[in-house]
Structures are given as structure tokens and as C-alpha cells.
Amino acid sequence: MTARHTLVALLSAAVLAGCVGAPGPAQSTPAGGTRNAPIVIRNDHGGNVAANILRREQLANSGREVQLRGFCDSACTMFTTLPNACLAPDATFGFHAPSIGGSSTPAPMVGDLIGQFYRNGIARKWQQSWGNSTKITRISAKRYVQLDPQARLCTR
């Protein structure tokens, strides 16, 4: 079994066990409706970790810029490190440990799945505090870029 198949199996088990949330009502639309237009993700609550890992792969393979606008919470924050992503200067990003069935108990291993997509200061904050608490911590796009200089702000 490949690492990807193992990951999908683990995620499927977590979904069935109620360790990850349902998909949020995020908007993901092509701006301007053309094939090369950016994909805009706006006001995304995050939701199901497994679904968002698969969605992340689709966004990476789209060949289009992915703009994160409005708020991007929870599993949505995994999109920030896409090579084709940019953060709207006025966007906010919310981090918290995934919980078991919406309780205040962090879900074991699911936080590690999310954390693998972070880097630099964001990864350190995740490991030291954000990934250990189900209370959401929000930061601005500008603060995000300070913590992860590899991230970039959108220019349009």
C-alpha cells in the first residue's frame, strides 16, 4: 500500500469516526469565468480534512492561481502553501486543532495531517500552540506572511 493510500485510509477512518468536520459552505469560483482566471476561495470554514486534502491536490494541479479571500479557517489553511496560492491582503486565517465530534477534545493524528502543510513560523506556531487547542486563533494575511515569508500576497 502506498503512502497516499495509507493516508486516504486513515482519513476515511477519521471521517467515519467523526474526528473531522463536514465540508464548509465555502465559495470556490473561477474569477471572470475563464479557463485561466484565478480560482477564488472566499469565506471558507474548512470542514472535512480528508476532502480538503484531496481538494488541495486538485487546486495544485489546476495550473491556475488560487486566491484566498475573506476568511480561511481550519482545514482551508492547508491551501496557503500551495505553490499557486496567494493571500488577499485583507484576508484572515484561523487555526485550531481538529476536534472529536465538535467537542473540545483534539482529534489525535488529524492535527498532524493538517500540520504537514505548514512551514516556517506557521509550522512552529501550529506545533507549539494552535494545533493543541480547539479554540480558534485568527491572524491577518500580513501576519501570515511575516511568519511564513514563502507565502505571497495577491497583487490583484
C-alpha atoms as a PDB file:
ATOM      1  CA  MET A   1       0.000   0.000   0.000  1.00  0.00           C
ATOM      2  CA  THR A   2       1.415   3.414  -0.941  1.00  0.00           C
ATOM      3  CA  ALA A   3       1.718   6.303   1.500  1.00  0.00           C
ATOM      4  CA  ARG A   4      -1.135   8.066  -0.306  1.00  0.00           C
ATOM      5  CA  HIS A   5      -3.407   5.033   0.031  1.00  0.00           C
ATOM      6  CA  THR A   6      -2.499   4.764   3.702  1.00  0.00           C
ATOM      7  CA  LEU A   7      -3.298   8.455   4.183  1.00  0.00           C
ATOM      8  CA  VAL A   8      -6.657   8.119   2.442  1.00  0.00           C
ATOM      9  CA  ALA A   9      -7.488   5.036   4.528  1.00  0.00           C
ATOM     10  CA  LEU A  10      -6.608   6.884   7.735  1.00  0.00           C
ATOM     11  CA  LEU A  11      -8.607   9.911   6.692  1.00  0.00           C
ATOM     12  CA  SER A  12     -11.592   7.769   5.753  1.00  0.00           C
ATOM     13  CA  ALA A  13     -11.470   6.113   9.155  1.00  0.00           C
ATOM     14  CA  ALA A  14     -11.279   9.533  10.824  1.00  0.00           C
ATOM     15  CA  VAL A  15     -14.277  10.777   8.854  1.00  0.00           C
ATOM     16  CA  LEU A  16     -16.285   7.695   9.808  1.00  0.00           C
ATOM     17  CA  ALA A  17     -15.250   8.097  13.444  1.00  0.00           C
ATOM     18  CA  GLY A  18     -16.428  11.713  13.428  1.00  0.00           C
ATOM     19  CA  CYS A  19     -12.958  13.155  14.013  1.00  0.00           C
ATOM     20  CA  VAL A  20     -13.167  15.669  11.204  1.00  0.00           C
ATOM     21  CA  GLY A  21     -15.911  18.086  10.364  1.00  0.00           C
ATOM     22  CA  ALA A  22     -18.286  18.216   7.474  1.00  0.00           C
ATOM     23  CA  PRO A  23     -17.404  20.356   4.475  1.00  0.00           C
ATOM     24  CA  GLY A  24     -17.995  24.064   4.970  1.00  0.00           C
ATOM     25  CA  PRO A  25     -20.082  26.282   2.711  1.00  0.00           C
ATOM     26  CA  ALA A  26     -17.040  27.808   1.043  1.00  0.00           C
ATOM     27  CA  GLN A  27     -17.170  29.506  -2.295  1.00  0.00           C
ATOM     28  CA  SER A  28     -14.600  28.351  -4.829  1.00  0.00           C
ATOM     29  CA  THR A  29     -15.222  30.012  -8.134  1.00  0.00           C
ATOM     30  CA  PRO A  30     -13.216  31.000 -11.168  1.00  0.00           C
ATOM     31  CA  ALA A  31     -12.954  34.775 -11.277  1.00  0.00           C
ATOM     32  CA  GLY A  32     -14.284  36.045 -14.576  1.00  0.00           C
ATOM     33  CA  GLY A  33     -15.430  32.585 -15.679  1.00  0.00           C
ATOM     34  CA  THR A  34     -12.484  31.839 -17.974  1.00  0.00           C
ATOM     35  CA  ARG A  35     -10.206  28.800 -18.003  1.00  0.00           C
ATOM     36  CA  ASN A  36      -7.111  30.785 -16.974  1.00  0.00           C
ATOM     37  CA  ALA A  37      -8.849  33.027 -14.458  1.00  0.00           C
ATOM     38  CA  PRO A  38      -7.820  32.650 -10.823  1.00  0.00           C
ATOM     39  CA  ILE A  39      -9.744  30.300  -8.576  1.00  0.00           C
ATOM     40  CA  VAL A  40     -11.125  32.388  -5.719  1.00  0.00           C
ATOM     41  CA  ILE A  41     -11.736  30.746  -2.369  1.00  0.00           C
ATOM     42  CA  ARG A  42     -13.695  33.115  -0.154  1.00  0.00           C
ATOM     43  CA  ASN A  43     -15.044  32.718   3.375  1.00  0.00           C
ATOM     44  CA  ASP A  44     -14.142  29.053   3.780  1.00  0.00           C
ATOM     45  CA  HIS A  45     -14.849  27.423   7.170  1.00  0.00           C
ATOM     46  CA  GLY A  46     -12.570  24.470   6.377  1.00  0.00           C
ATOM     47  CA  GLY A  47     -14.614  21.390   7.140  1.00  0.00           C
ATOM     48  CA  ASN A  48     -13.616  17.840   6.320  1.00  0.00           C
ATOM     49  CA  VAL A  49      -9.847  17.365   6.457  1.00  0.00           C
ATOM     50  CA  ALA A  50      -9.820  14.402   4.046  1.00  0.00           C
ATOM     51  CA  ALA A  51     -11.929  16.231   1.475  1.00  0.00           C
ATOM     52  CA  ASN A  52      -9.712  19.303   1.733  1.00  0.00           C
ATOM     53  CA  ILE A  53      -6.511  17.300   1.257  1.00  0.00           C
ATOM     54  CA  LEU A  54      -7.985  15.959  -1.989  1.00  0.00           C
ATOM     55  CA  ARG A  55      -9.233  19.435  -2.917  1.00  0.00           C
ATOM     56  CA  ARG A  56      -5.732  20.817  -2.270  1.00  0.00           C
ATOM     57  CA  GLU A  57      -4.294  18.335  -4.758  1.00  0.00           C
ATOM     58  CA  GLN A  58      -6.874  19.396  -7.373  1.00  0.00           C
ATOM     59  CA  LEU A  59      -6.078  23.077  -6.803  1.00  0.00           C
ATOM     60  CA  ALA A  60      -2.338  22.414  -7.123  1.00  0.00           C
ATOM     61  CA  ASN A  61      -2.883  20.606 -10.413  1.00  0.00           C
ATOM     62  CA  SER A  62      -5.256  23.232 -11.826  1.00  0.00           C
ATOM     63  CA  GLY A  63      -2.463  25.365 -13.306  1.00  0.00           C
ATOM     64  CA  ARG A  64      -4.355  28.454 -12.096  1.00  0.00           C
ATOM     65  CA  GLU A  65      -3.669  30.971  -9.368  1.00  0.00           C
ATOM     66  CA  VAL A  66      -5.622  30.225  -6.182  1.00  0.00           C
ATOM     67  CA  GLN A  67      -6.660  33.376  -4.338  1.00  0.00           C
ATOM     68  CA  LEU A  68      -7.635  33.074  -0.665  1.00  0.00           C
ATOM     69  CA  ARG A  69     -10.017  35.903   0.217  1.00  0.00           C
ATOM     70  CA  GLY A  70     -12.246  36.853   3.125  1.00  0.00           C
ATOM     71  CA  PHE A  71     -11.689  34.314   5.888  1.00  0.00           C
ATOM     72  CA  CYS A  72      -9.988  30.946   5.576  1.00  0.00           C
ATOM     73  CA  ASP A  73     -10.391  28.833   8.696  1.00  0.00           C
ATOM     74  CA  SER A  74      -9.360  25.399   9.858  1.00  0.00           C
ATOM     75  CA  ALA A  75      -8.692  22.911   7.008  1.00  0.00           C
ATOM     76  CA  CYS A  76      -8.828  25.772   4.473  1.00  0.00           C
ATOM     77  CA  THR A  77      -5.467  26.957   5.816  1.00  0.00           C
ATOM     78  CA  MET A  78      -3.854  23.924   4.166  1.00  0.00           C
ATOM     79  CA  PHE A  79      -4.266  25.816   0.876  1.00  0.00           C
ATOM     80  CA  THR A  80      -1.967  28.670   1.951  1.00  0.00           C
ATOM     81  CA  THR A  81       1.166  26.742   0.997  1.00  0.00           C
ATOM     82  CA  LEU A  82       0.041  25.778  -2.480  1.00  0.00           C
ATOM     83  CA  PRO A  83       2.715  26.879  -4.963  1.00  0.00           C
ATOM     84  CA  ASN A  84      -0.015  28.681  -6.936  1.00  0.00           C
ATOM     85  CA  ALA A  85      -1.719  30.345  -3.944  1.00  0.00           C
ATOM     86  CA  CYS A  86      -1.804  33.954  -2.902  1.00  0.00           C
ATOM     87  CA  LEU A  87      -3.365  35.569   0.152  1.00  0.00           C
ATOM     88  CA  ALA A  88      -5.592  38.623  -0.239  1.00  0.00           C
ATOM     89  CA  PRO A  89      -4.027  41.436   1.828  1.00  0.00           C
ATOM     90  CA  ASP A  90      -7.242  41.849   3.848  1.00  0.00           C
ATOM     91  CA  ALA A  91      -7.867  38.102   4.371  1.00  0.00           C
ATOM     92  CA  THR A  92      -7.765  36.378   7.765  1.00  0.00           C
ATOM     93  CA  PHE A  93      -6.678  32.847   8.615  1.00  0.00           C
ATOM     94  CA  GLY A  94      -7.975  30.805  11.536  1.00  0.00           C
ATOM     95  CA  PHE A  95      -6.115  27.903  13.111  1.00  0.00           C
ATOM     96  CA  HIS A  96      -7.272  25.319  15.644  1.00  0.00           C
ATOM     97  CA  ALA A  97      -6.799  21.660  16.427  1.00  0.00           C
ATOM     98  CA  PRO A  98      -9.396  19.406  14.783  1.00  0.00           C
ATOM     99  CA  SER A  99     -11.778  18.043  17.384  1.00  0.00           C
ATOM    100  CA  ILE A 100     -13.571  14.797  18.001  1.00  0.00           C
ATOM    101  CA  GLY A 101     -17.198  15.295  17.008  1.00  0.00           C
ATOM    102  CA  GLY A 102     -17.128  19.054  17.626  1.00  0.00           C
ATOM    103  CA  SER A 103     -16.049  18.616  21.262  1.00  0.00           C
ATOM    104  CA  SER A 104     -13.162  20.430  22.936  1.00  0.00           C
ATOM    105  CA  THR A 105     -11.048  17.263  22.695  1.00  0.00           C
ATOM    106  CA  PRO A 106      -8.400  17.469  19.949  1.00  0.00           C
ATOM    107  CA  ALA A 107      -8.554  14.593  17.457  1.00  0.00           C
ATOM    108  CA  PRO A 108      -5.378  12.515  17.578  1.00  0.00           C
ATOM    109  CA  MET A 109      -3.340  12.335  14.338  1.00  0.00           C
ATOM    110  CA  VAL A 110      -5.712  14.573  12.334  1.00  0.00           C
ATOM    111  CA  GLY A 111      -3.801  17.649  13.515  1.00  0.00           C
ATOM    112  CA  ASP A 112      -0.603  16.080  12.186  1.00  0.00           C
ATOM    113  CA  LEU A 113      -2.260  15.681   8.784  1.00  0.00           C
ATOM    114  CA  ILE A 114      -3.094  19.389   8.683  1.00  0.00           C
ATOM    115  CA  GLY A 115       0.269  20.429  10.157  1.00  0.00           C
ATOM    116  CA  GLN A 116       2.232  18.741   7.375  1.00  0.00           C
ATOM    117  CA  PHE A 117       1.092  21.515   5.010  1.00  0.00           C
ATOM    118  CA  TYR A 118       2.524  24.374   7.090  1.00  0.00           C
ATOM    119  CA  ARG A 119       6.059  25.740   7.006  1.00  0.00           C
ATOM    120  CA  ASN A 120       8.344  28.224   8.758  1.00  0.00           C
ATOM    121  CA  GLY A 121       6.784  30.231  11.613  1.00  0.00           C
ATOM    122  CA  ILE A 122       3.287  28.936  10.861  1.00  0.00           C
ATOM    123  CA  ALA A 123       4.515  25.360  11.395  1.00  0.00           C
ATOM    124  CA  ARG A 124       6.203  26.373  14.650  1.00  0.00           C
ATOM    125  CA  LYS A 125       3.053  28.115  15.944  1.00  0.00           C
ATOM    126  CA  TRP A 126       0.975  25.073  14.926  1.00  0.00           C
ATOM    127  CA  GLN A 127       3.278  22.697  16.789  1.00  0.00           C
ATOM    128  CA  GLN A 128       3.664  24.900  19.865  1.00  0.00           C
ATOM    129  CA  SER A 129       0.095  26.089  20.412  1.00  0.00           C
ATOM    130  CA  TRP A 130      -2.502  26.327  17.645  1.00  0.00           C
ATOM    131  CA  GLY A 131      -2.509  22.585  16.924  1.00  0.00           C
ATOM    132  CA  ASN A 132      -3.067  21.787  20.598  1.00  0.00           C
ATOM    133  CA  SER A 133      -6.199  23.836  21.187  1.00  0.00           C
ATOM    134  CA  THR A 134      -9.663  23.618  19.682  1.00  0.00           C
ATOM    135  CA  LYS A 135     -10.046  27.376  20.288  1.00  0.00           C
ATOM    136  CA  ILE A 136      -9.523  29.220  17.004  1.00  0.00           C
ATOM    137  CA  THR A 137      -6.678  31.718  16.635  1.00  0.00           C
ATOM    138  CA  ARG A 138      -7.055  34.170  13.738  1.00  0.00           C
ATOM    139  CA  ILE A 139      -4.272  36.114  12.073  1.00  0.00           C
ATOM    140  CA  SER A 140      -4.167  38.596   9.211  1.00  0.00           C
ATOM    141  CA  ALA A 141      -2.645  37.823   5.828  1.00  0.00           C
ATOM    142  CA  LYS A 142       0.139  40.273   6.590  1.00  0.00           C
ATOM    143  CA  ARG A 143       0.930  38.470   9.853  1.00  0.00           C
ATOM    144  CA  TYR A 144       0.796  35.161   7.984  1.00  0.00           C
ATOM    145  CA  VAL A 145       3.450  36.371   5.527  1.00  0.00           C
ATOM    146  CA  GLN A 146       5.612  37.606   8.428  1.00  0.00           C
ATOM    147  CA  LEU A 147       5.509  34.084   9.899  1.00  0.00           C
ATOM    148  CA  ASP A 148       5.911  32.369   6.513  1.00  0.00           C
ATOM    149  CA  PRO A 149       7.878  34.579   4.112  1.00  0.00           C
ATOM    150  CA  GLN A 150       7.417  31.970   1.359  1.00  0.00           C
ATOM    151  CA  ALA A 151       3.709  32.858   1.244  1.00  0.00           C
ATOM    152  CA  ARG A 152       2.760  35.702  -1.044  1.00  0.00           C
ATOM    153  CA  LEU A 153       0.102  38.359  -1.033  1.00  0.00           C
ATOM    154  CA  CYS A 154      -2.176  38.686  -4.055  1.00  0.00           C
ATOM    155  CA  THR A 155      -1.417  41.647  -6.296  1.00  0.00           C
ATOM    156  CA  ARG A 156      -4.876  41.910  -7.846  1.00  0.00           C
END
